[in-house]
Amino acid sequence: MLIQASNKLSGPLHSAEPYFSNKTQILSLAATDAFHEKSFGKDEAAFVMEVLQTEIDRMRTHKNAHKRRYLKSIRHLNHVHKVLPPSMFLKGLVRESSTAVAGGGFADIWTGRLDKQRVCIKVLRFFQQGSDREALLKALSKEVLLWRQLNHPNILPFLGINTELFSPSFCIVSPWMSNGDIMSYARNSSLDLSTKLEHTIQIAEGLFYLHGLDPPVVHGDIKGANILISDERRCCLADFGLSVLDTQSMNPAHTASVQGSLRWLAPEFINPTPMPIQGRLTSRDIYAFGCTVFEILTGQPPFSHHNLDISVAIDVLKGVRPVLPSLVIPKEDVFKSICAMLDSCWTEEIKHRPDARDVLDFLKHVHNLLRYPEQELELFSLFTVLNAAEKVPKSSLSVTKRDVIITLLAPNGFRTIVAEIRMTSSTATLFQMVKYPVASLSLLGLRGSQRYRRTLPQLWLMHVIETNIPIL
């Protein structure tokens, strides 16, 4: 059973320090492989975890090469001793509501107060006995230890846990979000397209943060119900119960045991037959992000015409994807661009999916276009994915004086087969389309951009989404 270490750990940390002369010795040992061979009692383990957690918190402003090892050591001590850092346990938590305000399969939601702050109290249901209860406690430890490390404006803050208010159950405490999730907020607020896109940008910001951590964090259950709206009208990613660390490429062991909301789940995780998959686990978040963008724009979950999840699974495995109605985006060029982004998020070729930076930059550009239509920025007609790029064979290049023609081929799964773009260059350099949607040909460098210059032998084969590519 998960326990809180003895009360003496809530005082000065040196009160439970039988093995170490100082905290520096703990940090030095935790940075080596010998740490996992060390034997601790529960109190000593909790003390060491607290020292490591304090150092990790300090690293938020100071880089340290040992952070990954410290996190691994904390998880190891939790697994062996079933304890958590004492600072995670909250005192003074007060229940505010007389009954639960919401409930799910494994927890009930109550409102409460922590000092002067209104908070959400997630109370785990511990009706199960034996191994089922132990499994829930293990899942709780995994969730809170990972969530505790996150710090970003678009991530719901973790405040701590409590073992007293609803004893023998456990509570996870976070700030109360009175606006609810993004879907209920959108229904109650009648959001316009620009505001909806702004919220998708905020979600992408949260994903970009998670995927940029070392190691990357995969949320694992991105959907509208897990996006909460703060009092400042800011999207916050919540519910890290299915989150994992992306420490290796995907393999059959991963896909065989995966969980998630099926309508938002990538096809490689629905297929009941595990197969070797090339790509990163973060790609499942990108697929789910595309489904969430669809959900926000339409106000409906993916495949809302299906009542049964099994029908959704059959469609997805056949290659069927949600169809975005043109009515939700009246401006045709914006509609086509959003559809292109969704198609790239939903491709079965995992390595061809964009990363979080790709979709974030794309949505920012489209949002700016809606806000400032008078500027000289033309709408993106191409969505390029560097991760899926292949080098252009020299035979596909035609150089005549100052004119260069690049043949752009689309990979299987995309809609365009071939397009040609003629660009003029006074030197033997061209401007590469990299990492984000290229708007018009003018953004390829013909107006003086110096950001993505490459010499001729380094040209890349770009993935074209639209068929109506303009030719200069």
Protein backbone atom coordinates (compact mmCIF):
# COMPACT_ATOMS: atom_id res chain seq x y z
CA MET A 1 0.00 0.00 0.00
CA LEU A 2 1.16 3.53 -0.80
CA ILE A 3 2.04 5.28 2.43
CA GLN A 4 3.24 8.60 3.69
CA ALA A 5 6.57 8.44 5.45
CA SER A 6 6.75 9.22 9.14
CA ASN A 7 5.87 12.70 10.31
CA LYS A 8 9.45 13.55 11.14
CA LEU A 9 10.07 13.98 7.42
CA SER A 10 7.81 17.01 7.35
CA GLY A 11 10.39 18.85 9.47
CA PRO A 12 14.02 19.59 8.59
CA LEU A 13 15.28 17.10 6.05
CA HIS A 14 18.33 16.17 8.10
CA SER A 15 16.08 14.50 10.69
CA ALA A 16 16.07 11.21 8.77
CA GLU A 17 19.55 11.02 7.39
CA PRO A 18 21.21 7.83 8.62
CA TYR A 19 23.10 6.93 5.44
CA PHE A 20 24.40 10.26 4.19
CA SER A 21 26.52 13.00 5.66
CA ASN A 22 24.97 15.67 3.41
CA LYS A 23 22.62 16.23 0.47
CA THR A 24 25.53 16.52 -1.94
CA GLN A 25 26.36 12.89 -1.25
CA ILE A 26 22.79 11.89 -2.11
CA LEU A 27 22.89 13.78 -5.40
CA SER A 28 26.27 12.32 -6.29
CA LEU A 29 25.09 8.77 -5.63
CA ALA A 30 21.79 9.28 -7.51
CA ALA A 31 23.76 10.33 -10.57
CA THR A 32 25.42 6.89 -10.75
CA ASP A 33 24.27 3.36 -11.52
CA ALA A 34 25.23 2.32 -7.99
CA PHE A 35 22.17 4.13 -6.59
CA HIS A 36 19.80 1.28 -7.45
CA GLU A 37 21.91 -1.16 -5.44
CA LYS A 38 21.54 0.90 -2.28
CA SER A 39 19.18 -0.41 0.40
CA PHE A 40 16.87 2.08 2.14
CA GLY A 41 14.12 1.91 4.71
CA LYS A 42 10.83 3.68 3.95
CA ASP A 43 11.74 6.83 5.89
CA GLU A 44 15.17 7.02 4.30
CA ALA A 45 13.67 6.46 0.84
CA ALA A 46 11.18 9.28 1.34
CA PHE A 47 13.94 11.59 2.55
CA VAL A 48 16.10 10.81 -0.48
CA MET A 49 13.12 11.36 -2.81
CA GLU A 50 12.53 14.76 -1.22
CA VAL A 51 16.15 15.79 -1.74
CA LEU A 52 16.03 14.68 -5.37
CA GLN A 53 12.68 16.40 -5.98
CA THR A 54 14.01 19.66 -4.50
CA GLU A 55 17.00 19.48 -6.83
CA ILE A 56 14.76 18.78 -9.84
CA ASP A 57 12.65 21.82 -8.95
CA ARG A 58 15.81 23.91 -8.83
CA MET A 59 16.70 22.68 -12.31
CA ARG A 60 13.69 24.46 -13.77
CA THR A 61 15.86 27.57 -13.81
CA HIS A 62 19.29 25.87 -13.88
CA LYS A 63 20.18 23.14 -16.35
CA ASN A 64 21.63 19.92 -14.93
CA ALA A 65 22.75 16.90 -16.88
CA HIS A 66 21.66 14.55 -14.07
CA LYS A 67 17.95 15.40 -14.13
CA ARG A 68 16.98 12.26 -16.03
CA ARG A 69 18.83 10.08 -13.52
CA TYR A 70 17.21 11.86 -10.57
CA LEU A 71 13.77 11.23 -12.02
CA LYS A 72 14.64 7.58 -12.61
CA SER A 73 15.84 7.28 -9.01
CA ILE A 74 12.62 8.76 -7.66
CA ARG A 75 10.54 6.32 -9.69
CA HIS A 76 12.74 3.45 -8.51
CA LEU A 77 12.29 4.34 -4.83
CA ASN A 78 8.54 4.71 -5.29
CA HIS A 79 8.31 1.31 -6.97
CA VAL A 80 10.33 -0.45 -4.26
CA HIS A 81 9.04 1.30 -1.13
CA LYS A 82 5.65 2.65 -2.27
CA VAL A 83 6.32 6.08 -0.77
CA LEU A 84 6.20 9.59 -2.21
CA PRO A 85 8.17 12.75 -1.41
CA PRO A 86 6.70 14.22 1.82
CA SER A 87 6.18 17.63 0.20
CA MET A 88 3.47 16.12 -2.02
CA PHE A 89 1.18 15.53 0.97
CA LEU A 90 -1.10 18.51 1.66
CA LYS A 91 -2.23 19.70 5.07
CA GLY A 92 -5.24 21.92 5.71
CA LEU A 93 -7.36 20.65 2.82
CA VAL A 94 -11.06 21.33 3.45
CA ARG A 95 -14.03 19.80 1.62
CA GLU A 96 -16.39 22.48 0.27
CA SER A 97 -19.15 20.57 -1.56
CA SER A 98 -21.52 18.28 0.35
CA THR A 99 -21.63 15.77 -2.50
CA ALA A 100 -19.43 14.94 -5.47
CA VAL A 101 -19.95 17.39 -8.34
CA ALA A 102 -18.87 14.87 -10.98
CA GLY A 103 -17.70 11.30 -11.27
CA GLY A 104 -16.02 8.86 -13.58
CA GLY A 105 -15.05 5.22 -13.68
CA PHE A 106 -12.28 5.45 -11.10
CA ALA A 107 -12.79 8.74 -9.23
CA ASP A 108 -15.26 11.32 -7.94
CA ILE A 109 -14.74 15.08 -8.15
CA TRP A 110 -15.35 17.33 -5.15
CA THR A 111 -14.71 21.02 -4.60
CA GLY A 112 -12.60 22.16 -1.67
CA ARG A 113 -10.38 24.84 -0.20
CA LEU A 114 -6.64 24.87 0.32
CA ASP A 115 -5.91 28.00 2.32
CA LYS A 116 -7.81 30.65 0.33
CA GLN A 117 -7.69 28.83 -2.99
CA ARG A 118 -10.64 26.91 -4.38
CA VAL A 119 -9.46 23.51 -5.52
CA CYS A 120 -10.58 20.38 -7.32
CA ILE A 121 -10.36 17.22 -5.22
CA LYS A 122 -10.18 14.03 -7.26
CA VAL A 123 -11.06 11.16 -4.92
CA LEU A 124 -10.05 7.71 -6.11
CA ARG A 125 -12.64 4.98 -5.72
CA PHE A 126 -11.14 2.19 -3.66
CA PHE A 127 -13.95 -0.35 -3.73
CA GLN A 128 -11.57 -2.89 -5.16
CA GLN A 129 -9.63 -5.28 -2.97
CA GLY A 130 -6.29 -7.01 -3.21
CA SER A 131 -4.43 -6.80 -6.49
CA ASP A 132 -6.94 -4.37 -8.05
CA ARG A 133 -6.40 -1.89 -5.23
CA GLU A 134 -2.64 -2.25 -5.50
CA ALA A 135 -2.86 -1.61 -9.24
CA LEU A 136 -4.79 1.62 -8.61
CA LEU A 137 -2.24 2.76 -6.05
CA LYS A 138 0.57 2.02 -8.48
CA ALA A 139 -1.22 4.02 -11.19
CA LEU A 140 -1.74 6.90 -8.76
CA SER A 141 1.97 7.01 -7.92
CA LYS A 142 2.92 6.98 -11.59
CA GLU A 143 0.50 9.77 -12.43
CA VAL A 144 1.39 12.16 -9.62
CA LEU A 145 5.15 11.64 -9.89
CA LEU A 146 5.05 12.52 -13.57
CA TRP A 147 2.54 15.37 -13.17
CA ARG A 148 4.60 16.82 -10.30
CA GLN A 149 7.48 17.52 -12.70
CA LEU A 150 5.43 19.60 -15.16
CA ASN A 151 5.39 23.39 -15.11
CA HIS A 152 3.84 25.28 -18.03
CA PRO A 153 0.99 27.80 -18.52
CA ASN A 154 -0.90 25.26 -20.64
CA ILE A 155 -0.55 22.37 -18.18
CA LEU A 156 -2.99 22.06 -15.27
CA PRO A 157 -0.93 22.63 -12.09
CA PHE A 158 -0.48 19.77 -9.64
CA LEU A 159 -0.92 20.94 -6.05
CA GLY A 160 -0.47 17.68 -4.16
CA ILE A 161 -2.26 14.69 -2.65
CA ASN A 162 -4.12 14.10 0.60
CA THR A 163 -4.66 10.87 2.51
CA GLU A 164 -6.75 12.16 5.42
CA LEU A 165 -9.85 13.96 4.13
CA PHE A 166 -11.38 10.90 2.42
CA SER A 167 -9.46 8.17 4.24
CA PRO A 168 -8.87 5.36 3.36
CA SER A 169 -9.03 6.77 -0.16
CA PHE A 170 -6.53 9.16 -1.72
CA CYS A 171 -7.14 12.60 -3.19
CA ILE A 172 -5.32 14.36 -6.01
CA VAL A 173 -5.61 18.14 -5.70
CA SER A 174 -5.44 20.74 -8.48
CA PRO A 175 -6.83 24.27 -8.98
CA TRP A 176 -10.58 24.43 -9.59
CA MET A 177 -11.40 25.32 -13.20
CA SER A 178 -14.85 26.93 -13.08
CA ASN A 179 -15.12 27.14 -16.88
CA GLY A 180 -14.98 23.37 -17.22
CA ASP A 181 -13.51 21.61 -20.23
CA ILE A 182 -13.06 23.15 -23.67
CA MET A 183 -16.18 21.52 -25.11
CA SER A 184 -18.62 22.69 -22.43
CA TYR A 185 -16.95 26.10 -22.45
CA ALA A 186 -17.33 26.36 -26.24
CA ARG A 187 -21.01 25.41 -26.07
CA ASN A 188 -21.73 27.98 -23.37
CA SER A 189 -19.69 30.78 -24.92
CA SER A 190 -20.50 30.55 -28.67
CA LEU A 191 -16.84 30.87 -29.69
CA ASP A 192 -15.97 32.28 -33.10
CA LEU A 193 -13.44 30.63 -35.42
CA SER A 194 -10.56 32.88 -34.39
CA THR A 195 -11.06 32.08 -30.70
CA LYS A 196 -11.33 28.36 -31.42
CA LEU A 197 -8.05 28.47 -33.32
CA GLU A 198 -6.48 30.39 -30.45
CA HIS A 199 -7.45 27.56 -28.11
CA THR A 200 -6.01 24.94 -30.45
CA ILE A 201 -2.76 26.93 -30.43
CA GLN A 202 -2.71 26.82 -26.63
CA ILE A 203 -3.22 23.05 -26.70
CA ALA A 204 -0.37 22.73 -29.21
CA GLU A 205 1.80 24.87 -26.90
CA GLY A 206 1.17 22.39 -24.10
CA LEU A 207 2.01 19.45 -26.36
CA PHE A 208 5.15 21.15 -27.62
CA TYR A 209 6.26 21.59 -24.01
CA LEU A 210 5.55 17.95 -23.10
CA HIS A 211 7.24 16.52 -26.19
CA GLY A 212 10.24 18.80 -25.71
CA LEU A 213 11.06 17.48 -22.24
CA ASP A 214 13.94 15.07 -21.62
CA PRO A 215 12.71 12.41 -21.91
CA PRO A 216 9.60 13.50 -23.83
CA VAL A 217 6.27 13.09 -22.06
CA VAL A 218 3.43 11.51 -24.05
CA HIS A 219 0.07 12.66 -22.68
CA GLY A 220 -1.73 9.60 -24.02
CA ASP A 221 -5.32 10.89 -23.82
CA ILE A 222 -5.61 14.22 -25.63
CA LYS A 223 -9.29 15.08 -26.18
CA GLY A 224 -11.69 17.90 -25.42
CA ALA A 225 -12.76 16.49 -22.06
CA ASN A 226 -9.14 16.63 -20.86
CA ILE A 227 -8.60 20.26 -21.85
CA LEU A 228 -9.70 22.56 -19.02
CA ILE A 229 -10.24 26.32 -19.25
CA SER A 230 -8.72 28.55 -16.58
CA ASP A 231 -10.25 31.74 -15.21
CA GLU A 232 -7.98 33.60 -17.65
CA ARG A 233 -9.61 31.66 -20.55
CA ARG A 234 -6.45 29.63 -21.09
CA CYS A 235 -6.41 25.98 -22.15
CA CYS A 236 -4.71 23.61 -19.71
CA LEU A 237 -3.95 19.96 -20.47
CA ALA A 238 -5.25 17.74 -17.65
CA ASP A 239 -5.53 14.07 -16.64
CA PHE A 240 -2.10 12.47 -16.85
CA GLY A 241 -3.31 9.03 -15.84
CA LEU A 242 -2.26 7.51 -19.18
CA SER A 243 0.88 9.59 -19.66
CA VAL A 244 4.20 7.87 -20.26
CA LEU A 245 7.81 8.82 -20.89
CA ASP A 246 8.90 8.36 -24.49
CA THR A 247 12.24 6.69 -23.82
CA GLN A 248 12.35 4.54 -26.95
CA SER A 249 10.75 4.00 -30.32
CA MET A 250 7.45 2.16 -30.45
CA ASN A 251 7.45 -1.62 -30.39
CA PRO A 252 4.90 -4.44 -30.09
CA ALA A 253 5.10 -4.39 -26.30
CA HIS A 254 3.90 -0.81 -26.28
CA THR A 255 1.01 -1.33 -28.64
CA ALA A 256 -0.24 -4.48 -26.94
CA SER A 257 -0.97 -2.78 -23.63
CA VAL A 258 -1.98 0.71 -24.70
CA GLN A 259 -5.10 2.43 -23.40
CA GLY A 260 -6.95 5.57 -24.41
CA SER A 261 -10.19 7.05 -25.70
CA LEU A 262 -10.88 5.06 -28.84
CA ARG A 263 -12.37 7.84 -30.98
CA TRP A 264 -9.16 9.83 -30.51
CA LEU A 265 -6.83 6.82 -30.70
CA ALA A 266 -4.34 6.38 -33.54
CA PRO A 267 -4.89 3.28 -35.74
CA GLU A 268 -1.59 1.66 -34.77
CA PHE A 269 -2.91 1.41 -31.20
CA ILE A 270 -6.33 0.07 -32.22
CA ASN A 271 -5.00 -2.82 -34.29
CA PRO A 272 -5.30 -5.93 -32.07
CA THR A 273 -2.32 -7.57 -33.78
CA PRO A 274 0.91 -6.01 -32.43
CA MET A 275 3.32 -5.14 -35.21
CA PRO A 276 6.70 -3.44 -35.24
CA ILE A 277 6.10 0.28 -35.72
CA GLN A 278 8.64 2.86 -36.79
CA GLY A 279 8.15 6.16 -35.03
CA ARG A 280 7.94 7.82 -31.67
CA LEU A 281 5.22 7.48 -29.08
CA THR A 282 4.64 11.23 -29.32
CA SER A 283 2.99 10.60 -32.69
CA ARG A 284 -0.10 9.21 -30.93
CA ASP A 285 -0.61 12.63 -29.31
CA ILE A 286 -0.40 14.27 -32.74
CA TYR A 287 -3.13 11.99 -34.10
CA ALA A 288 -5.30 12.70 -31.05
CA PHE A 289 -4.56 16.42 -31.39
CA GLY A 290 -5.98 16.35 -34.92
CA CYS A 291 -9.12 14.69 -33.55
CA THR A 292 -9.33 17.34 -30.82
CA VAL A 293 -9.03 20.18 -33.35
CA PHE A 294 -11.86 18.53 -35.29
CA GLU A 295 -13.86 18.25 -32.06
CA ILE A 296 -13.37 21.92 -31.16
CA LEU A 297 -14.22 23.19 -34.64
CA THR A 298 -17.36 21.06 -35.04
CA GLY A 299 -18.55 20.78 -31.45
CA GLN A 300 -18.86 17.01 -31.94
CA PRO A 301 -16.54 14.10 -31.10
CA PRO A 302 -14.91 12.26 -33.99
CA PHE A 303 -17.25 9.80 -35.71
CA SER A 304 -20.27 11.16 -33.85
CA HIS A 305 -22.52 9.32 -36.33
CA HIS A 306 -21.37 6.01 -34.80
CA ASN A 307 -22.99 4.96 -31.53
CA LEU A 308 -20.61 2.05 -30.92
CA ASP A 309 -16.86 2.34 -30.49
CA ILE A 310 -16.38 -0.93 -32.35
CA SER A 311 -17.84 0.72 -35.46
CA VAL A 312 -15.33 3.53 -35.06
CA ALA A 313 -12.47 1.05 -34.73
CA ILE A 314 -13.50 -0.76 -37.91
CA ASP A 315 -13.66 2.50 -39.86
CA VAL A 316 -10.31 3.78 -38.58
CA LEU A 317 -8.55 0.51 -39.43
CA LYS A 318 -10.03 0.78 -42.94
CA GLY A 319 -8.41 4.19 -43.31
CA VAL A 320 -11.58 6.24 -42.77
CA ARG A 321 -11.05 9.56 -41.02
CA PRO A 322 -13.44 12.26 -39.74
CA VAL A 323 -14.68 14.65 -42.43
CA LEU A 324 -14.58 18.33 -41.52
CA PRO A 325 -17.75 20.08 -42.79
CA SER A 326 -16.94 23.13 -44.88
CA LEU A 327 -19.66 25.08 -43.06
CA VAL A 328 -17.54 25.29 -39.89
CA ILE A 329 -14.91 27.36 -41.75
CA PRO A 330 -16.59 29.66 -44.28
CA LYS A 331 -13.31 30.96 -45.72
CA GLU A 332 -12.37 28.40 -48.36
CA ASP A 333 -8.59 28.77 -48.26
CA VAL A 334 -8.55 28.51 -44.47
CA PHE A 335 -10.78 25.44 -44.68
CA LYS A 336 -8.46 23.73 -47.16
CA SER A 337 -5.41 24.52 -45.06
CA ILE A 338 -6.96 23.14 -41.86
CA CYS A 339 -8.03 20.00 -43.74
CA ALA A 340 -4.46 19.60 -44.97
CA MET A 341 -3.14 19.80 -41.42
CA LEU A 342 -5.69 17.27 -40.16
CA ASP A 343 -4.83 14.88 -42.98
CA SER A 344 -1.16 15.05 -42.04
CA CYS A 345 -1.95 14.40 -38.35
CA TRP A 346 -4.10 11.40 -39.28
CA THR A 347 -1.85 9.68 -41.80
CA GLU A 348 -1.17 6.01 -41.08
CA GLU A 349 2.48 6.61 -41.95
CA ILE A 350 3.60 7.51 -38.44
CA LYS A 351 6.93 8.98 -39.48
CA HIS A 352 5.10 11.31 -41.87
CA ARG A 353 3.01 12.91 -39.13
CA PRO A 354 4.07 16.43 -38.16
CA ASP A 355 5.53 17.08 -34.75
CA ALA A 356 4.13 19.47 -32.17
CA ARG A 357 6.24 22.35 -33.48
CA ASP A 358 4.88 21.81 -36.99
CA VAL A 359 1.22 22.05 -36.00
CA LEU A 360 1.90 24.89 -33.55
CA ASP A 361 3.58 27.05 -36.20
CA PHE A 362 0.91 26.18 -38.76
CA LEU A 363 -1.97 27.19 -36.50
CA LYS A 364 -0.23 30.40 -35.46
CA HIS A 365 0.17 31.43 -39.09
CA VAL A 366 -3.45 30.64 -39.97
CA HIS A 367 -4.66 32.46 -36.87
CA ASN A 368 -2.59 35.52 -37.77
CA LEU A 369 -4.09 35.47 -41.24
CA LEU A 370 -7.60 35.59 -39.77
CA ARG A 371 -6.67 38.40 -37.41
CA TYR A 372 -4.70 40.48 -39.91
CA PRO A 373 -6.10 39.75 -43.39
CA GLU A 374 -4.68 42.99 -44.75
CA GLN A 375 -1.06 41.91 -44.35
CA GLU A 376 0.96 40.57 -47.26
CA LEU A 377 1.00 37.07 -45.87
CA GLU A 378 -0.78 34.74 -48.28
CA LEU A 379 -2.47 31.63 -46.98
CA PHE A 380 -0.44 28.45 -46.78
CA SER A 381 -0.98 26.11 -49.67
CA LEU A 382 1.68 23.60 -48.62
CA PHE A 383 2.13 21.65 -45.42
CA THR A 384 5.62 20.18 -45.24
CA VAL A 385 6.92 17.64 -42.82
CA LEU A 386 10.69 17.59 -42.41
CA ASN A 387 10.64 14.27 -40.57
CA ALA A 388 9.24 12.60 -43.69
CA ALA A 389 11.40 14.40 -46.23
CA GLU A 390 13.63 12.56 -48.66
CA LYS A 391 16.53 13.97 -50.61
CA VAL A 392 15.75 15.09 -54.14
CA PRO A 393 17.57 13.10 -56.84
CA LYS A 394 19.77 15.29 -58.98
CA SER A 395 17.93 14.04 -62.07
CA SER A 396 14.76 15.76 -60.88
CA LEU A 397 16.38 19.19 -60.99
CA SER A 398 16.39 21.32 -64.10
CA VAL A 399 18.70 24.33 -63.91
CA THR A 400 18.62 26.81 -66.77
CA LYS A 401 20.49 30.03 -66.09
CA ARG A 402 18.65 31.52 -63.11
CA ASP A 403 15.55 29.36 -63.16
CA VAL A 404 15.18 26.27 -61.03
CA ILE A 405 12.27 23.85 -61.21
CA ILE A 406 11.68 21.54 -58.26
CA THR A 407 9.36 18.60 -58.66
CA LEU A 408 7.32 18.03 -55.50
CA LEU A 409 5.99 14.54 -54.94
CA ALA A 410 3.45 13.52 -52.33
CA PRO A 411 3.89 10.26 -50.40
CA ASN A 412 1.24 7.56 -50.31
CA GLY A 413 -1.71 8.63 -48.22
CA PHE A 414 -1.69 12.25 -49.31
CA ARG A 415 -3.89 13.69 -52.01
CA THR A 416 -1.47 15.33 -54.39
CA ILE A 417 0.65 13.36 -56.82
CA VAL A 418 2.93 15.91 -58.40
CA ALA A 419 3.39 19.65 -58.69
CA GLU A 420 6.09 21.91 -60.06
CA ILE A 421 7.25 25.21 -58.64
CA ARG A 422 9.55 27.54 -60.56
CA MET A 423 11.78 29.75 -58.44
CA THR A 424 14.32 32.33 -59.50
CA SER A 425 17.66 32.56 -57.76
CA SER A 426 20.66 34.71 -58.55
CA THR A 427 22.99 32.22 -56.89
CA ALA A 428 23.27 28.48 -56.62
CA THR A 429 21.07 28.48 -53.53
CA LEU A 430 17.42 27.82 -52.98
CA PHE A 431 15.20 28.36 -50.00
CA GLN A 432 13.98 25.21 -48.35
CA MET A 433 10.48 24.63 -47.02
CA VAL A 434 11.16 23.38 -43.54
CA LYS A 435 9.23 22.46 -40.39
CA TYR A 436 6.13 24.55 -40.89
CA PRO A 437 3.51 25.19 -43.58
CA VAL A 438 4.82 27.37 -46.34
CA ALA A 439 2.33 30.08 -47.21
CA SER A 440 2.81 31.38 -50.71
CA LEU A 441 5.81 31.02 -52.96
CA SER A 442 6.87 34.45 -51.75
CA LEU A 443 7.68 32.86 -48.41
CA LEU A 444 10.18 30.50 -50.00
CA GLY A 445 12.74 33.26 -49.89
CA LEU A 446 11.95 35.22 -53.02
CA ARG A 447 11.36 38.31 -50.87
CA GLY A 448 14.65 38.08 -49.06
CA SER A 449 14.09 35.59 -46.26
CA GLN A 450 17.40 34.10 -45.13
CA ARG A 451 16.09 31.56 -42.63
CA TYR A 452 16.09 28.30 -44.57
CA ARG A 453 18.77 28.55 -47.23
CA ARG A 454 20.24 25.33 -48.62
CA THR A 455 22.64 24.67 -51.49
CA LEU A 456 21.46 22.67 -54.49
CA PRO A 457 22.85 19.26 -53.41
CA GLN A 458 20.98 19.61 -50.12
CA LEU A 459 17.50 20.08 -51.55
CA TRP A 460 14.73 18.03 -50.03
CA LEU A 461 11.70 16.33 -51.50
CA MET A 462 8.75 18.09 -49.88
CA HIS A 463 5.34 16.64 -49.16
CA VAL A 464 2.64 18.60 -50.92
CA ILE A 465 -0.93 18.56 -49.66
CA GLU A 466 -2.81 20.87 -52.01
CA THR A 467 -3.34 20.23 -55.71
CA ASN A 468 -3.75 23.86 -56.76
CA ILE A 469 -0.13 24.91 -56.27
CA PRO A 470 0.58 28.23 -58.01
CA ILE A 471 3.49 28.29 -60.45
CA LEU A 472 5.67 31.35 -60.86
